[in-house]
Amino acid sequence: IPVVDIEELAETIKNYDYIVADMKKSI
């Protein structure tokens, strides 16, 4: 999950579980 604008970091942390729910979890 790239966060280039640091002002988006708080929202990304808050919604982390929702964001990662359907993402590939390993390489």
PDB file of all heavy atoms in Angstrom:
ATOM      1  N   ILE A   1       0.862  -1.182   0.000  1.00  0.00           N
ATOM      2  CA  ILE A   1       0.000   0.000   0.000  1.00  0.00           C
ATOM      3  C   ILE A   1       0.899   1.232   0.000  1.00  0.00           C
ATOM      4  O   ILE A   1       1.412   1.630   1.051  1.00  0.00           O
ATOM      5  CB  ILE A   1      -0.914   0.027   1.240  1.00  0.00           C
ATOM      6  CG1 ILE A   1      -1.722  -1.267   1.345  1.00  0.00           C
ATOM      7  CG2 ILE A   1      -1.822   1.250   1.208  1.00  0.00           C
ATOM      8  CD1 ILE A   1      -2.379  -1.470   2.701  1.00  0.00           C
ATOM      9  N   PRO A   2       1.127   1.831  -1.158  1.00  0.00           N
ATOM     10  CA  PRO A   2       1.977   3.029  -1.182  1.00  0.00           C
ATOM     11  C   PRO A   2       1.199   4.255  -0.705  1.00  0.00           C
ATOM     12  O   PRO A   2       0.037   4.433  -1.065  1.00  0.00           O
ATOM     13  CB  PRO A   2       2.365   3.156  -2.659  1.00  0.00           C
ATOM     14  CG  PRO A   2       1.277   2.470  -3.402  1.00  0.00           C
ATOM     15  CD  PRO A   2       0.710   1.423  -2.493  1.00  0.00           C
ATOM     16  N   VAL A   3       1.841   5.057   0.124  1.00  0.00           N
ATOM     17  CA  VAL A   3       1.257   6.313   0.604  1.00  0.00           C
ATOM     18  C   VAL A   3       2.278   7.407   0.309  1.00  0.00           C
ATOM     19  O   VAL A   3       3.224   7.608   1.070  1.00  0.00           O
ATOM     20  CB  VAL A   3       0.915   6.251   2.111  1.00  0.00           C
ATOM     21  CG1 VAL A   3       0.418   7.596   2.613  1.00  0.00           C
ATOM     22  CG2 VAL A   3      -0.103   5.151   2.381  1.00  0.00           C
ATOM     23  N   VAL A   4       2.093   8.096  -0.811  1.00  0.00           N
ATOM     24  CA  VAL A   4       3.027   9.141  -1.221  1.00  0.00           C
ATOM     25  C   VAL A   4       2.711  10.443  -0.490  1.00  0.00           C
ATOM     26  O   VAL A   4       3.610  11.158  -0.063  1.00  0.00           O
ATOM     27  CB  VAL A   4       2.991   9.328  -2.757  1.00  0.00           C
ATOM     28  CG1 VAL A   4       3.889  10.478  -3.184  1.00  0.00           C
ATOM     29  CG2 VAL A   4       3.416   8.035  -3.450  1.00  0.00           C
ATOM     30  N   ASP A   5       1.425  10.751  -0.312  1.00  0.00           N
ATOM     31  CA  ASP A   5       0.997  11.940   0.421  1.00  0.00           C
ATOM     32  C   ASP A   5       0.773  11.544   1.871  1.00  0.00           C
ATOM     33  O   ASP A   5      -0.174  10.830   2.204  1.00  0.00           O
ATOM     34  CB  ASP A   5      -0.297  12.491  -0.188  1.00  0.00           C
ATOM     35  CG  ASP A   5      -0.816  13.730   0.520  1.00  0.00           C
ATOM     36  OD1 ASP A   5      -0.268  14.125   1.575  1.00  0.00           O
ATOM     37  OD2 ASP A   5      -1.810  14.303   0.024  1.00  0.00           O
ATOM     38  N   ILE A   6       1.656  11.982   2.746  1.00  0.00           N
ATOM     39  CA  ILE A   6       1.613  11.549   4.144  1.00  0.00           C
ATOM     40  C   ILE A   6       0.290  11.912   4.829  1.00  0.00           C
ATOM     41  O   ILE A   6      -0.104  11.276   5.799  1.00  0.00           O
ATOM     42  CB  ILE A   6       2.833  12.075   4.931  1.00  0.00           C
ATOM     43  CG1 ILE A   6       3.069  11.193   6.155  1.00  0.00           C
ATOM     44  CG2 ILE A   6       2.662  13.540   5.314  1.00  0.00           C
ATOM     45  CD1 ILE A   6       4.449  11.230   6.697  1.00  0.00           C
ATOM     46  N   GLU A   7      -0.416  12.903   4.300  1.00  0.00           N
ATOM     47  CA  GLU A   7      -1.715  13.271   4.873  1.00  0.00           C
ATOM     48  C   GLU A   7      -2.746  12.152   4.714  1.00  0.00           C
ATOM     49  O   GLU A   7      -3.775  12.160   5.384  1.00  0.00           O
ATOM     50  CB  GLU A   7      -2.230  14.566   4.242  1.00  0.00           C
ATOM     51  CG  GLU A   7      -1.371  15.787   4.559  1.00  0.00           C
ATOM     52  CD  GLU A   7      -1.285  16.097   6.056  1.00  0.00           C
ATOM     53  OE1 GLU A   7      -2.299  15.947   6.777  1.00  0.00           O
ATOM     54  OE2 GLU A   7      -0.189  16.478   6.514  1.00  0.00           O
ATOM     55  N   GLU A   8      -2.466  11.184   3.849  1.00  0.00           N
ATOM     56  CA  GLU A   8      -3.364  10.038   3.659  1.00  0.00           C
ATOM     57  C   GLU A   8      -3.036   8.872   4.598  1.00  0.00           C
ATOM     58  O   GLU A   8      -3.760   7.874   4.641  1.00  0.00           O
ATOM     59  CB  GLU A   8      -3.290   9.556   2.208  1.00  0.00           C
ATOM     60  CG  GLU A   8      -3.767  10.588   1.205  1.00  0.00           C
ATOM     61  CD  GLU A   8      -3.556  10.164  -0.238  1.00  0.00           C
ATOM     62  OE1 GLU A   8      -3.113   9.014  -0.480  1.00  0.00           O
ATOM     63  OE2 GLU A   8      -3.826  10.984  -1.122  1.00  0.00           O
ATOM     64  N   LEU A   9      -1.963   8.997   5.362  1.00  0.00           N
ATOM     65  CA  LEU A   9      -1.506   7.887   6.196  1.00  0.00           C
ATOM     66  C   LEU A   9      -2.485   7.560   7.326  1.00  0.00           C
ATOM     67  O   LEU A   9      -2.763   6.378   7.573  1.00  0.00           O
ATOM     68  CB  LEU A   9      -0.110   8.180   6.762  1.00  0.00           C
ATOM     69  CG  LEU A   9       0.554   7.055   7.546  1.00  0.00           C
ATOM     70  CD1 LEU A   9       0.621   5.770   6.735  1.00  0.00           C
ATOM     71  CD2 LEU A   9       1.947   7.489   7.995  1.00  0.00           C
ATOM     72  N   ALA A  10      -3.032   8.550   7.990  1.00  0.00           N
ATOM     73  CA  ALA A  10      -3.958   8.286   9.101  1.00  0.00           C
ATOM     74  C   ALA A  10      -5.170   7.490   8.625  1.00  0.00           C
ATOM     75  O   ALA A  10      -5.578   6.511   9.266  1.00  0.00           O
ATOM     76  CB  ALA A  10      -4.407   9.599   9.746  1.00  0.00           C
ATOM     77  N   GLU A  11      -5.725   7.879   7.500  1.00  0.00           N
ATOM     78  CA  GLU A  11      -6.888   7.187   6.941  1.00  0.00           C
ATOM     79  C   GLU A  11      -6.518   5.766   6.498  1.00  0.00           C
ATOM     80  O   GLU A  11      -7.305   4.830   6.657  1.00  0.00           O
ATOM     81  CB  GLU A  11      -7.456   7.999   5.770  1.00  0.00           C
ATOM     82  CG  GLU A  11      -8.882   7.684   5.427  1.00  0.00           C
ATOM     83  CD  GLU A  11      -9.887   8.034   6.528  1.00  0.00           C
ATOM     84  OE1 GLU A  11      -9.626   8.918   7.377  1.00  0.00           O
ATOM     85  OE2 GLU A  11     -10.959   7.411   6.537  1.00  0.00           O
ATOM     86  N   THR A  12      -5.320   5.603   5.959  1.00  0.00           N
ATOM     87  CA  THR A  12      -4.857   4.284   5.534  1.00  0.00           C
ATOM     88  C   THR A  12      -4.709   3.359   6.740  1.00  0.00           C
ATOM     89  O   THR A  12      -5.122   2.197   6.691  1.00  0.00           O
ATOM     90  CB  THR A  12      -3.521   4.399   4.768  1.00  0.00           C
ATOM     91  OG1 THR A  12      -3.712   5.278   3.654  1.00  0.00           O
ATOM     92  CG2 THR A  12      -3.045   3.047   4.272  1.00  0.00           C
ATOM     93  N   ILE A  13      -4.160   3.871   7.824  1.00  0.00           N
ATOM     94  CA  ILE A  13      -4.020   3.068   9.047  1.00  0.00           C
ATOM     95  C   ILE A  13      -5.415   2.719   9.591  1.00  0.00           C
ATOM     96  O   ILE A  13      -5.677   1.568   9.941  1.00  0.00           O
ATOM     97  CB  ILE A  13      -3.186   3.812  10.109  1.00  0.00           C
ATOM     98  CG1 ILE A  13      -1.734   3.941   9.634  1.00  0.00           C
ATOM     99  CG2 ILE A  13      -3.255   3.100  11.460  1.00  0.00           C
ATOM    100  CD1 ILE A  13      -0.888   4.906  10.464  1.00  0.00           C
ATOM    101  N   LYS A  14      -6.286   3.684   9.638  1.00  0.00           N
ATOM    102  CA  LYS A  14      -7.643   3.476  10.155  1.00  0.00           C
ATOM    103  C   LYS A  14      -8.380   2.394   9.367  1.00  0.00           C
ATOM    104  O   LYS A  14      -9.086   1.568   9.933  1.00  0.00           O
ATOM    105  CB  LYS A  14      -8.416   4.799  10.096  1.00  0.00           C
ATOM    106  CG  LYS A  14      -9.839   4.713  10.580  1.00  0.00           C
ATOM    107  CD  LYS A  14     -10.524   6.060  10.456  1.00  0.00           C
ATOM    108  CE  LYS A  14     -11.993   5.939  10.747  1.00  0.00           C
ATOM    109  NZ  LYS A  14     -12.696   7.204  10.470  1.00  0.00           N
ATOM    110  N   ASN A  15      -8.208   2.390   8.050  1.00  0.00           N
ATOM    111  CA  ASN A  15      -8.923   1.456   7.174  1.00  0.00           C
ATOM    112  C   ASN A  15      -8.080   0.264   6.733  1.00  0.00           C
ATOM    113  O   ASN A  15      -8.453  -0.441   5.797  1.00  0.00           O
ATOM    114  CB  ASN A  15      -9.438   2.211   5.934  1.00  0.00           C
ATOM    115  CG  ASN A  15     -10.465   3.238   6.318  1.00  0.00           C
ATOM    116  OD1 ASN A  15     -11.381   2.960   7.077  1.00  0.00           O
ATOM    117  ND2 ASN A  15     -10.294   4.449   5.804  1.00  0.00           N
ATOM    118  N   TYR A  16      -6.965   0.046   7.394  1.00  0.00           N
ATOM    119  CA  TYR A  16      -6.012  -0.988   6.976  1.00  0.00           C
ATOM    120  C   TYR A  16      -6.670  -2.356   6.764  1.00  0.00           C
ATOM    121  O   TYR A  16      -6.486  -2.975   5.715  1.00  0.00           O
ATOM    122  CB  TYR A  16      -4.866  -1.092   7.990  1.00  0.00           C
ATOM    123  CG  TYR A  16      -3.860  -2.151   7.632  1.00  0.00           C
ATOM    124  CD1 TYR A  16      -2.872  -1.893   6.695  1.00  0.00           C
ATOM    125  CD2 TYR A  16      -3.911  -3.418   8.220  1.00  0.00           C
ATOM    126  CE1 TYR A  16      -1.940  -2.872   6.348  1.00  0.00           C
ATOM    127  CE2 TYR A  16      -2.985  -4.393   7.880  1.00  0.00           C
ATOM    128  CZ  TYR A  16      -2.013  -4.115   6.943  1.00  0.00           C
ATOM    129  OH  TYR A  16      -1.100  -5.084   6.603  1.00  0.00           O
ATOM    130  N   ASP A  17      -7.416  -2.827   7.744  1.00  0.00           N
ATOM    131  CA  ASP A  17      -7.997  -4.172   7.641  1.00  0.00           C
ATOM    132  C   ASP A  17      -8.934  -4.283   6.436  1.00  0.00           C
ATOM    133  O   ASP A  17      -8.949  -5.310   5.754  1.00  0.00           O
ATOM    134  CB  ASP A  17      -8.727  -4.548   8.929  1.00  0.00           C
ATOM    135  CG  ASP A  17      -7.768  -4.705  10.102  1.00  0.00           C
ATOM    136  OD1 ASP A  17      -6.618  -5.129   9.884  1.00  0.00           O
ATOM    137  OD2 ASP A  17      -8.167  -4.402  11.242  1.00  0.00           O
ATOM    138  N   TYR A  18      -9.675  -3.252   6.169  1.00  0.00           N
ATOM    139  CA  TYR A  18     -10.576  -3.237   5.016  1.00  0.00           C
ATOM    140  C   TYR A  18      -9.770  -3.214   3.708  1.00  0.00           C
ATOM    141  O   TYR A  18     -10.081  -3.943   2.766  1.00  0.00           O
ATOM    142  CB  TYR A  18     -11.499  -2.014   5.091  1.00  0.00           C
ATOM    143  CG  TYR A  18     -12.388  -1.859   3.894  1.00  0.00           C
ATOM    144  CD1 TYR A  18     -13.505  -2.663   3.710  1.00  0.00           C
ATOM    145  CD2 TYR A  18     -12.094  -0.907   2.922  1.00  0.00           C
ATOM    146  CE1 TYR A  18     -14.319  -2.524   2.592  1.00  0.00           C
ATOM    147  CE2 TYR A  18     -12.899  -0.756   1.794  1.00  0.00           C
ATOM    148  CZ  TYR A  18     -14.015  -1.572   1.640  1.00  0.00           C
ATOM    149  OH  TYR A  18     -14.797  -1.438   0.532  1.00  0.00           O
ATOM    150  N   ILE A  19      -8.730  -2.399   3.656  1.00  0.00           N
ATOM    151  CA  ILE A  19      -7.900  -2.264   2.447  1.00  0.00           C
ATOM    152  C   ILE A  19      -7.236  -3.586   2.084  1.00  0.00           C
ATOM    153  O   ILE A  19      -7.191  -3.976   0.920  1.00  0.00           O
ATOM    154  CB  ILE A  19      -6.833  -1.154   2.627  1.00  0.00           C
ATOM    155  CG1 ILE A  19      -7.508   0.213   2.748  1.00  0.00           C
ATOM    156  CG2 ILE A  19      -5.833  -1.153   1.467  1.00  0.00           C
ATOM    157  CD1 ILE A  19      -6.576   1.319   3.228  1.00  0.00           C
ATOM    158  N   VAL A  20      -6.707  -4.296   3.079  1.00  0.00           N
ATOM    159  CA  VAL A  20      -5.940  -5.515   2.799  1.00  0.00           C
ATOM    160  C   VAL A  20      -6.792  -6.766   2.631  1.00  0.00           C
ATOM    161  O   VAL A  20      -6.281  -7.811   2.232  1.00  0.00           O
ATOM    162  CB  VAL A  20      -4.860  -5.785   3.882  1.00  0.00           C
ATOM    163  CG1 VAL A  20      -3.896  -4.616   3.980  1.00  0.00           C
ATOM    164  CG2 VAL A  20      -5.481  -6.119   5.220  1.00  0.00           C
ATOM    165  N   ALA A  21      -8.075  -6.668   2.895  1.00  0.00           N
ATOM    166  CA  ALA A  21      -8.949  -7.849   2.887  1.00  0.00           C
ATOM    167  C   ALA A  21      -8.824  -8.681   1.610  1.00  0.00           C
ATOM    168  O   ALA A  21      -8.810  -9.911   1.671  1.00  0.00           O
ATOM    169  CB  ALA A  21     -10.391  -7.432   3.127  1.00  0.00           C
ATOM    170  N   ASP A  22      -8.730  -8.039   0.461  1.00  0.00           N
ATOM    171  CA  ASP A  22      -8.673  -8.779  -0.804  1.00  0.00           C
ATOM    172  C   ASP A  22      -7.318  -8.701  -1.500  1.00  0.00           C
ATOM    173  O   ASP A  22      -7.211  -9.041  -2.674  1.00  0.00           O
ATOM    174  CB  ASP A  22      -9.756  -8.253  -1.756  1.00  0.00           C
ATOM    175  CG  ASP A  22     -11.151  -8.529  -1.230  1.00  0.00           C
ATOM    176  OD1 ASP A  22     -11.351  -9.601  -0.624  1.00  0.00           O
ATOM    177  OD2 ASP A  22     -12.042  -7.678  -1.410  1.00  0.00           O
ATOM    178  N   MET A  23      -6.297  -8.258  -0.784  1.00  0.00           N
ATOM    179  CA  MET A  23      -4.979  -8.129  -1.404  1.00  0.00           C
ATOM    180  C   MET A  23      -4.165  -9.398  -1.246  1.00  0.00           C
ATOM    181  O   MET A  23      -4.361 -10.174  -0.310  1.00  0.00           O
ATOM    182  CB  MET A  23      -4.214  -6.952  -0.774  1.00  0.00           C
ATOM    183  CG  MET A  23      -4.810  -5.601  -1.092  1.00  0.00           C
ATOM    184  SD  MET A  23      -3.900  -4.251  -0.302  1.00  0.00           S
ATOM    185  CE  MET A  23      -2.403  -4.224  -1.295  1.00  0.00           C
ATOM    186  N   LYS A  24      -3.222  -9.583  -2.162  1.00  0.00           N
ATOM    187  CA  LYS A  24      -2.276 -10.698  -2.112  1.00  0.00           C
ATOM    188  C   LYS A  24      -1.377 -10.507  -0.892  1.00  0.00           C
ATOM    189  O   LYS A  24      -0.765  -9.460  -0.738  1.00  0.00           O
ATOM    190  CB  LYS A  24      -1.459 -10.688  -3.406  1.00  0.00           C
ATOM    191  CG  LYS A  24      -0.483 -11.803  -3.555  1.00  0.00           C
ATOM    192  CD  LYS A  24       0.209 -11.679  -4.912  1.00  0.00           C
ATOM    193  CE  LYS A  24       1.284 -12.702  -5.062  1.00  0.00           C
ATOM    194  NZ  LYS A  24       1.994 -12.542  -6.331  1.00  0.00           N
ATOM    195  N   LYS A  25      -1.282 -11.511  -0.044  1.00  0.00           N
ATOM    196  CA  LYS A  25      -0.597 -11.353   1.231  1.00  0.00           C
ATOM    197  C   LYS A  25       0.836 -11.883   1.275  1.00  0.00           C
ATOM    198  O   LYS A  25       1.442 -11.913   2.324  1.00  0.00           O
ATOM    199  CB  LYS A  25      -1.416 -11.989   2.332  1.00  0.00           C
ATOM    200  CG  LYS A  25      -2.713 -11.234   2.570  1.00  0.00           C
ATOM    201  CD  LYS A  25      -3.447 -11.754   3.751  1.00  0.00           C
ATOM    202  CE  LYS A  25      -4.665 -10.945   4.101  1.00  0.00           C
ATOM    203  NZ  LYS A  25      -5.614 -10.697   3.079  1.00  0.00           N
ATOM    204  N   SER A  26       1.371 -12.320   0.166  1.00  0.00           N
ATOM    205  CA  SER A  26       2.757 -12.789   0.190  1.00  0.00           C
ATOM    206  C   SER A  26       3.336 -12.718  -1.213  1.00  0.00           C
ATOM    207  O   SER A  26       2.629 -12.445  -2.170  1.00  0.00           O
ATOM    208  CB  SER A  26       2.844 -14.220   0.722  1.00  0.00           C
ATOM    209  OG  SER A  26       2.199 -15.107  -0.179  1.00  0.00           O
ATOM    210  N   ILE A  27       4.609 -12.982  -1.285  1.00  0.00           N
ATOM    211  CA  ILE A  27       5.271 -13.017  -2.589  1.00  0.00           C
ATOM    212  C   ILE A  27       5.882 -14.393  -2.776  1.00  0.00           C
ATOM    213  O   ILE A  27       6.222 -15.069  -1.809  1.00  0.00           O
ATOM    214  CB  ILE A  27       6.356 -11.930  -2.718  1.00  0.00           C
ATOM    215  CG1 ILE A  27       7.412 -12.070  -1.624  1.00  0.00           C
ATOM    216  CG2 ILE A  27       5.741 -10.555  -2.707  1.00  0.00           C
ATOM    217  CD1 ILE A  27       8.589 -11.141  -1.794  1.00  0.00           C
TER     218      ILE A  27
END
